[in-house]
Amino acid sequence: MRLITRFELVAKNTNELYGLHRKVFNELAKSKPQTLERVVALASLENIENELASRAPCP
């Protein structure tokens, strides 16, 4: 798996982000502890979640 950057994520719609989140989460669940694959999946998830949060309406 490769790192998914915020730059890539801004071009996706919200539904695509949620689908990507699910895919990366499943990859994370399959990864072994203390591997590069796991670190990349965690960083990608953080980027996806940050992008989703930036689109959420403010209360």
C-alpha atoms as a PDB file:
ATOM      1  CA  MET A   1       0.000   0.000   0.000  1.00  0.00           C
ATOM      2  CA  ARG A   2       1.199   3.507  -0.715  1.00  0.00           C
ATOM      3  CA  LEU A   3       0.600   6.649   1.309  1.00  0.00           C
ATOM      4  CA  ILE A   4      -2.572   8.527   0.383  1.00  0.00           C
ATOM      5  CA  THR A   5      -1.899  12.251   0.651  1.00  0.00           C
ATOM      6  CA  ARG A   6      -4.221  15.142   1.480  1.00  0.00           C
ATOM      7  CA  PHE A   7      -3.428  16.526  -1.973  1.00  0.00           C
ATOM      8  CA  GLU A   8      -5.029  13.437  -3.566  1.00  0.00           C
ATOM      9  CA  LEU A   9      -7.989  13.473  -1.214  1.00  0.00           C
ATOM     10  CA  VAL A  10      -9.231  16.990  -1.981  1.00  0.00           C
ATOM     11  CA  ALA A  11     -10.206  15.839  -5.481  1.00  0.00           C
ATOM     12  CA  LYS A  12     -12.501  13.093  -4.132  1.00  0.00           C
ATOM     13  CA  ASN A  13     -16.107  13.496  -3.082  1.00  0.00           C
ATOM     14  CA  THR A  14     -17.294  12.558   0.399  1.00  0.00           C
ATOM     15  CA  ASN A  15     -18.686   9.169  -0.647  1.00  0.00           C
ATOM     16  CA  GLU A  16     -15.372   8.262  -2.258  1.00  0.00           C
ATOM     17  CA  LEU A  17     -13.568   9.263   0.931  1.00  0.00           C
ATOM     18  CA  TYR A  18     -15.759   6.998   3.057  1.00  0.00           C
ATOM     19  CA  GLY A  19     -15.176   4.101   0.643  1.00  0.00           C
ATOM     20  CA  LEU A  20     -11.439   4.721   0.695  1.00  0.00           C
ATOM     21  CA  HIS A  21     -11.532   4.904   4.491  1.00  0.00           C
ATOM     22  CA  ARG A  22     -13.146   1.471   4.655  1.00  0.00           C
ATOM     23  CA  LYS A  23     -10.596   0.009   2.223  1.00  0.00           C
ATOM     24  CA  VAL A  24      -7.600   1.420   4.103  1.00  0.00           C
ATOM     25  CA  PHE A  25      -9.072   0.373   7.459  1.00  0.00           C
ATOM     26  CA  ASN A  26      -9.375  -3.198   6.199  1.00  0.00           C
ATOM     27  CA  GLU A  27      -5.768  -3.104   4.996  1.00  0.00           C
ATOM     28  CA  LEU A  28      -4.726  -1.852   8.424  1.00  0.00           C
ATOM     29  CA  ALA A  29      -6.600  -4.708  10.083  1.00  0.00           C
ATOM     30  CA  LYS A  30      -4.719  -7.227   7.922  1.00  0.00           C
ATOM     31  CA  SER A  31      -1.289  -5.690   8.501  1.00  0.00           C
ATOM     32  CA  LYS A  32       1.241  -7.043  10.959  1.00  0.00           C
ATOM     33  CA  PRO A  33       2.348  -4.878  13.904  1.00  0.00           C
ATOM     34  CA  GLN A  34       5.468  -2.763  13.498  1.00  0.00           C
ATOM     35  CA  THR A  35       5.608  -2.959   9.693  1.00  0.00           C
ATOM     36  CA  LEU A  36       5.905  -0.206   7.126  1.00  0.00           C
ATOM     37  CA  GLU A  37       2.575  -1.310   5.666  1.00  0.00           C
ATOM     38  CA  ARG A  38       0.881  -0.598   9.004  1.00  0.00           C
ATOM     39  CA  VAL A  39       2.548   2.804   9.395  1.00  0.00           C
ATOM     40  CA  VAL A  40       1.478   3.816   5.890  1.00  0.00           C
ATOM     41  CA  ALA A  41      -2.098   2.635   6.484  1.00  0.00           C
ATOM     42  CA  LEU A  42      -2.299   4.581   9.748  1.00  0.00           C
ATOM     43  CA  ALA A  43      -0.950   7.742   8.115  1.00  0.00           C
ATOM     44  CA  SER A  44      -3.371   7.361   5.197  1.00  0.00           C
ATOM     45  CA  LEU A  45      -6.295   6.885   7.571  1.00  0.00           C
ATOM     46  CA  GLU A  46      -5.297  10.008   9.457  1.00  0.00           C
ATOM     47  CA  ASN A  47      -5.183  11.970   6.209  1.00  0.00           C
ATOM     48  CA  ILE A  48      -8.604  10.679   5.152  1.00  0.00           C
ATOM     49  CA  GLU A  49     -10.129  11.474   8.541  1.00  0.00           C
ATOM     50  CA  ASN A  50      -8.609  14.973   8.525  1.00  0.00           C
ATOM     51  CA  GLU A  51     -10.047  15.634   5.074  1.00  0.00           C
ATOM     52  CA  LEU A  52     -13.486  14.388   6.156  1.00  0.00           C
ATOM     53  CA  ALA A  53     -13.319  16.581   9.271  1.00  0.00           C
ATOM     54  CA  SER A  54     -12.406  19.627   7.196  1.00  0.00           C
ATOM     55  CA  ARG A  55     -15.599  19.133   5.174  1.00  0.00           C
ATOM     56  CA  ALA A  56     -17.903  18.729   8.175  1.00  0.00           C
ATOM     57  CA  PRO A  57     -20.224  21.643   8.800  1.00  0.00           C
ATOM     58  CA  CYS A  58     -19.290  23.761  11.790  1.00  0.00           C
ATOM     59  CA  PRO A  59     -21.870  23.825  14.594  1.00  0.00           C
END
